Amino acid sequence: MFARYRPYLPTAVLAFLIFYFGFHALTGDRGLLLVDKRNEALSEKSAELSKLRSERMDLEARARLLRDGSLSADLLEERARSLLGFSDPRDYVIRTKP
């Protein structure tokens, strides 16, 4: 009975492998049908990266102002007051939870 189907066995195996890999190429983790989801995740991560880069540039600028060669008195006073919890009597202090 199986001898009659023996010549078709390589073709059937090849057809199954083509179907298997084609199905996973479309619906797998990195399949063609998930391109929109990957592009959306990429745009979210790009926005997060640009936000982090701007925060880093701000922190680098603030750190540059606190170095010995270019010490900014205003920034030093601001940091000291915030760390020590002091304020000028003429200042308005609005406390927020971190």
N, C-alpha and C. Protein backbone atom coordinates (compact mmCIF):
# COMPACT_ATOMS: atom_id res chain seq x y z
N MET A 1 0.81 -1.18 0.00
CA MET A 1 0.00 0.00 0.00
C MET A 1 0.87 1.27 0.00
N PHE A 2 1.92 1.29 0.85
CA PHE A 2 2.80 2.46 0.93
C PHE A 2 3.74 2.53 -0.28
N ALA A 3 3.96 1.41 -0.92
CA ALA A 3 4.86 1.40 -2.07
C ALA A 3 4.28 2.24 -3.21
N ARG A 4 2.99 2.33 -3.28
CA ARG A 4 2.35 3.09 -4.32
C ARG A 4 2.54 4.60 -4.11
N TYR A 5 2.63 5.04 -2.86
CA TYR A 5 2.80 6.46 -2.54
C TYR A 5 4.26 6.88 -2.37
N ARG A 6 5.16 5.93 -2.44
CA ARG A 6 6.59 6.22 -2.21
C ARG A 6 7.16 7.28 -3.17
N PRO A 7 6.83 7.31 -4.45
CA PRO A 7 7.39 8.35 -5.33
C PRO A 7 6.91 9.76 -4.98
N TYR A 8 5.77 9.88 -4.31
CA TYR A 8 5.21 11.19 -3.95
C TYR A 8 5.68 11.69 -2.58
N LEU A 9 6.39 10.85 -1.83
CA LEU A 9 6.82 11.21 -0.48
C LEU A 9 7.76 12.41 -0.47
N PRO A 10 8.82 12.50 -1.28
CA PRO A 10 9.68 13.71 -1.26
C PRO A 10 8.91 14.98 -1.62
N THR A 11 7.97 14.87 -2.57
CA THR A 11 7.17 16.03 -2.94
C THR A 11 6.27 16.46 -1.79
N ALA A 12 5.70 15.52 -1.08
CA ALA A 12 4.83 15.83 0.05
C ALA A 12 5.63 16.47 1.19
N VAL A 13 6.83 15.95 1.45
CA VAL A 13 7.68 16.52 2.50
C VAL A 13 8.09 17.93 2.12
N LEU A 14 8.47 18.15 0.89
CA LEU A 14 8.86 19.47 0.43
C LEU A 14 7.68 20.45 0.50
N ALA A 15 6.50 20.00 0.11
CA ALA A 15 5.31 20.86 0.18
C ALA A 15 4.99 21.20 1.64
N PHE A 16 5.14 20.25 2.55
CA PHE A 16 4.90 20.52 3.97
C PHE A 16 5.91 21.52 4.49
N LEU A 17 7.19 21.38 4.15
CA LEU A 17 8.21 22.33 4.62
C LEU A 17 7.97 23.74 4.07
N ILE A 18 7.57 23.83 2.80
CA ILE A 18 7.26 25.14 2.23
C ILE A 18 6.09 25.77 2.97
N PHE A 19 5.05 25.00 3.23
CA PHE A 19 3.90 25.51 3.96
C PHE A 19 4.30 25.93 5.37
N TYR A 20 5.09 25.11 6.05
CA TYR A 20 5.50 25.39 7.43
C TYR A 20 6.30 26.70 7.51
N PHE A 21 7.33 26.83 6.69
CA PHE A 21 8.15 28.02 6.74
C PHE A 21 7.41 29.25 6.21
N GLY A 22 6.55 29.06 5.23
CA GLY A 22 5.74 30.18 4.73
C GLY A 22 4.77 30.68 5.79
N PHE A 23 4.14 29.77 6.51
CA PHE A 23 3.21 30.15 7.58
C PHE A 23 3.92 30.94 8.67
N HIS A 24 5.09 30.48 9.08
CA HIS A 24 5.83 31.17 10.13
C HIS A 24 6.47 32.47 9.63
N ALA A 25 6.74 32.56 8.34
CA ALA A 25 7.25 33.82 7.80
C ALA A 25 6.17 34.90 7.84
N LEU A 26 4.93 34.49 7.76
CA LEU A 26 3.83 35.46 7.83
C LEU A 26 3.39 35.76 9.25
N THR A 27 3.30 34.74 10.09
CA THR A 27 2.69 34.92 11.42
C THR A 27 3.65 34.78 12.59
N GLY A 28 4.91 34.58 12.36
CA GLY A 28 5.86 34.39 13.44
C GLY A 28 6.14 35.68 14.20
N ASP A 29 7.04 35.62 15.16
CA ASP A 29 7.40 36.79 15.97
C ASP A 29 7.89 37.94 15.12
N ARG A 30 8.58 37.65 14.07
CA ARG A 30 9.09 38.70 13.18
C ARG A 30 8.49 38.56 11.79
N GLY A 31 7.26 38.10 11.75
CA GLY A 31 6.59 37.84 10.48
C GLY A 31 6.17 39.10 9.76
N LEU A 32 5.76 38.91 8.54
CA LEU A 32 5.38 40.03 7.68
C LEU A 32 4.09 40.69 8.16
N LEU A 33 3.23 39.97 8.85
CA LEU A 33 1.97 40.55 9.31
C LEU A 33 2.14 41.43 10.55
N LEU A 34 3.31 41.42 11.18
CA LEU A 34 3.54 42.22 12.38
C LEU A 34 4.38 43.45 12.11
N VAL A 35 4.48 43.86 10.87
CA VAL A 35 5.30 45.01 10.50
C VAL A 35 4.78 46.28 11.17
N ASP A 36 3.46 46.46 11.20
CA ASP A 36 2.88 47.66 11.82
C ASP A 36 3.20 47.73 13.31
N LYS A 37 3.11 46.61 13.98
CA LYS A 37 3.40 46.58 15.42
C LYS A 37 4.88 46.91 15.67
N ARG A 38 5.76 46.38 14.83
CA ARG A 38 7.19 46.67 14.99
C ARG A 38 7.47 48.14 14.71
N ASN A 39 6.83 48.71 13.69
CA ASN A 39 7.04 50.13 13.38
C ASN A 39 6.51 51.02 14.50
N GLU A 40 5.40 50.64 15.11
CA GLU A 40 4.86 51.40 16.23
C GLU A 40 5.80 51.35 17.43
N ALA A 41 6.33 50.17 17.73
CA ALA A 41 7.28 50.03 18.83
C ALA A 41 8.55 50.82 18.54
N LEU A 42 8.99 50.83 17.29
CA LEU A 42 10.17 51.58 16.90
C LEU A 42 9.96 53.08 17.09
N SER A 43 8.79 53.58 16.72
CA SER A 43 8.52 55.01 16.89
C SER A 43 8.44 55.38 18.37
N GLU A 44 7.87 54.50 19.20
CA GLU A 44 7.82 54.76 20.64
C GLU A 44 9.22 54.81 21.23
N LYS A 45 10.04 53.87 20.84
CA LYS A 45 11.41 53.82 21.36
C LYS A 45 12.23 55.01 20.85
N SER A 46 11.99 55.45 19.63
CA SER A 46 12.69 56.62 19.10
C SER A 46 12.31 57.87 19.87
N ALA A 47 11.03 58.00 20.21
CA ALA A 47 10.59 59.16 21.00
C ALA A 47 11.21 59.11 22.39
N GLU A 48 11.25 57.93 22.97
CA GLU A 48 11.88 57.78 24.30
C GLU A 48 13.36 58.11 24.23
N LEU A 49 14.02 57.68 23.17
CA LEU A 49 15.44 57.96 23.01
C LEU A 49 15.70 59.46 22.88
N SER A 50 14.89 60.15 22.11
CA SER A 50 15.10 61.60 21.96
C SER A 50 14.83 62.32 23.29
N LYS A 51 13.87 61.85 24.05
CA LYS A 51 13.60 62.45 25.37
C LYS A 51 14.78 62.22 26.31
N LEU A 52 15.31 61.01 26.31
CA LEU A 52 16.46 60.72 27.17
C LEU A 52 17.70 61.49 26.75
N ARG A 53 17.88 61.68 25.44
CA ARG A 53 19.02 62.46 24.96
C ARG A 53 18.92 63.92 25.41
N SER A 54 17.70 64.48 25.35
CA SER A 54 17.55 65.87 25.79
C SER A 54 17.76 65.99 27.30
N GLU A 55 17.29 65.01 28.07
CA GLU A 55 17.55 65.01 29.51
C GLU A 55 19.04 64.92 29.80
N ARG A 56 19.72 64.08 29.05
CA ARG A 56 21.16 63.93 29.25
C ARG A 56 21.89 65.22 28.92
N MET A 57 21.51 65.87 27.83
CA MET A 57 22.15 67.13 27.47
C MET A 57 21.92 68.18 28.55
N ASP A 58 20.71 68.21 29.12
CA ASP A 58 20.42 69.15 30.20
C ASP A 58 21.28 68.84 31.43
N LEU A 59 21.38 67.56 31.79
CA LEU A 59 22.21 67.19 32.94
C LEU A 59 23.68 67.49 32.70
N GLU A 60 24.15 67.26 31.47
CA GLU A 60 25.55 67.58 31.17
C GLU A 60 25.80 69.09 31.27
N ALA A 61 24.84 69.89 30.82
CA ALA A 61 25.00 71.34 30.92
C ALA A 61 25.01 71.78 32.38
N ARG A 62 24.14 71.19 33.19
CA ARG A 62 24.11 71.54 34.61
C ARG A 62 25.40 71.10 35.30
N ALA A 63 25.91 69.94 34.94
CA ALA A 63 27.16 69.46 35.54
C ALA A 63 28.33 70.33 35.11
N ARG A 64 28.30 70.80 33.85
CA ARG A 64 29.35 71.68 33.36
C ARG A 64 29.37 72.99 34.15
N LEU A 65 28.19 73.47 34.54
CA LEU A 65 28.11 74.71 35.32
C LEU A 65 28.59 74.53 36.76
N LEU A 66 28.59 73.31 37.24
CA LEU A 66 29.02 73.06 38.62
C LEU A 66 30.50 72.74 38.73
N ARG A 67 31.23 72.69 37.62
CA ARG A 67 32.67 72.41 37.68
C ARG A 67 33.42 73.61 38.23
N ASP A 68 34.63 73.38 38.70
CA ASP A 68 35.43 74.44 39.33
C ASP A 68 35.71 75.59 38.39
N GLY A 69 36.00 75.31 37.14
CA GLY A 69 36.39 76.35 36.21
C GLY A 69 35.25 77.28 35.85
N SER A 70 34.04 76.80 35.84
CA SER A 70 32.91 77.64 35.44
C SER A 70 31.76 77.48 36.44
N LEU A 71 32.02 77.74 37.68
CA LEU A 71 31.03 77.56 38.74
C LEU A 71 29.97 78.66 38.65
N SER A 72 28.73 78.28 38.53
CA SER A 72 27.63 79.23 38.48
C SER A 72 27.07 79.39 39.88
N ALA A 73 27.10 80.61 40.40
CA ALA A 73 26.64 80.86 41.76
C ALA A 73 25.14 80.60 41.90
N ASP A 74 24.38 80.96 40.88
CA ASP A 74 22.94 80.75 40.94
C ASP A 74 22.60 79.26 41.00
N LEU A 75 23.25 78.48 40.16
CA LEU A 75 22.99 77.04 40.16
C LEU A 75 23.45 76.40 41.45
N LEU A 76 24.58 76.82 41.97
CA LEU A 76 25.08 76.29 43.23
C LEU A 76 24.11 76.60 44.36
N GLU A 77 23.60 77.82 44.39
CA GLU A 77 22.66 78.21 45.43
C GLU A 77 21.36 77.41 45.30
N GLU A 78 20.89 77.23 44.07
CA GLU A 78 19.66 76.47 43.85
C GLU A 78 19.81 75.03 44.34
N ARG A 79 20.92 74.40 43.99
CA ARG A 79 21.15 73.02 44.41
C ARG A 79 21.29 72.91 45.92
N ALA A 80 22.01 73.86 46.55
CA ALA A 80 22.18 73.82 48.00
C ALA A 80 20.85 73.99 48.70
N ARG A 81 20.03 74.90 48.23
CA ARG A 81 18.72 75.11 48.86
C ARG A 81 17.82 73.89 48.70
N SER A 82 17.84 73.28 47.53
CA SER A 82 16.97 72.12 47.34
C SER A 82 17.44 70.93 48.16
N LEU A 83 18.74 70.74 48.28
CA LEU A 83 19.25 69.61 49.06
C LEU A 83 19.09 69.82 50.56
N LEU A 84 19.29 71.05 51.03
CA LEU A 84 19.21 71.33 52.46
C LEU A 84 17.79 71.66 52.91
N GLY A 85 16.93 71.98 51.97
CA GLY A 85 15.55 72.28 52.32
C GLY A 85 15.34 73.71 52.77
N PHE A 86 16.27 74.59 52.50
CA PHE A 86 16.13 76.00 52.88
C PHE A 86 15.54 76.79 51.72
N SER A 87 14.94 77.92 52.06
CA SER A 87 14.44 78.81 51.03
C SER A 87 14.51 80.23 51.54
N ASP A 88 14.48 81.14 50.62
CA ASP A 88 14.47 82.56 50.95
C ASP A 88 13.06 82.92 51.43
N PRO A 89 12.92 83.79 52.41
CA PRO A 89 11.57 84.14 52.88
C PRO A 89 10.69 84.74 51.79
N ARG A 90 11.28 85.27 50.73
CA ARG A 90 10.50 85.85 49.65
C ARG A 90 10.14 84.83 48.57
N ASP A 91 10.65 83.62 48.69
CA ASP A 91 10.39 82.59 47.69
C ASP A 91 9.05 81.92 47.94
N TYR A 92 8.42 81.50 46.84
CA TYR A 92 7.24 80.66 46.92
C TYR A 92 7.71 79.23 46.73
N VAL A 93 7.40 78.37 47.68
CA VAL A 93 7.84 76.98 47.61
C VAL A 93 6.62 76.10 47.39
N ILE A 94 6.67 75.32 46.32
CA ILE A 94 5.59 74.39 46.02
C ILE A 94 6.20 73.01 46.07
N ARG A 95 5.80 72.22 47.02
CA ARG A 95 6.35 70.87 47.18
C ARG A 95 5.47 69.89 46.41
N THR A 96 6.12 69.03 45.71
CA THR A 96 5.43 67.98 44.99
C THR A 96 6.03 66.65 45.38
N LYS A 97 5.25 65.60 45.27
CA LYS A 97 5.77 64.27 45.58
C LYS A 97 6.56 63.77 44.38
N PRO A 98 7.70 63.12 44.60
CA PRO A 98 8.48 62.62 43.46
C PRO A 98 7.82 61.45 42.77
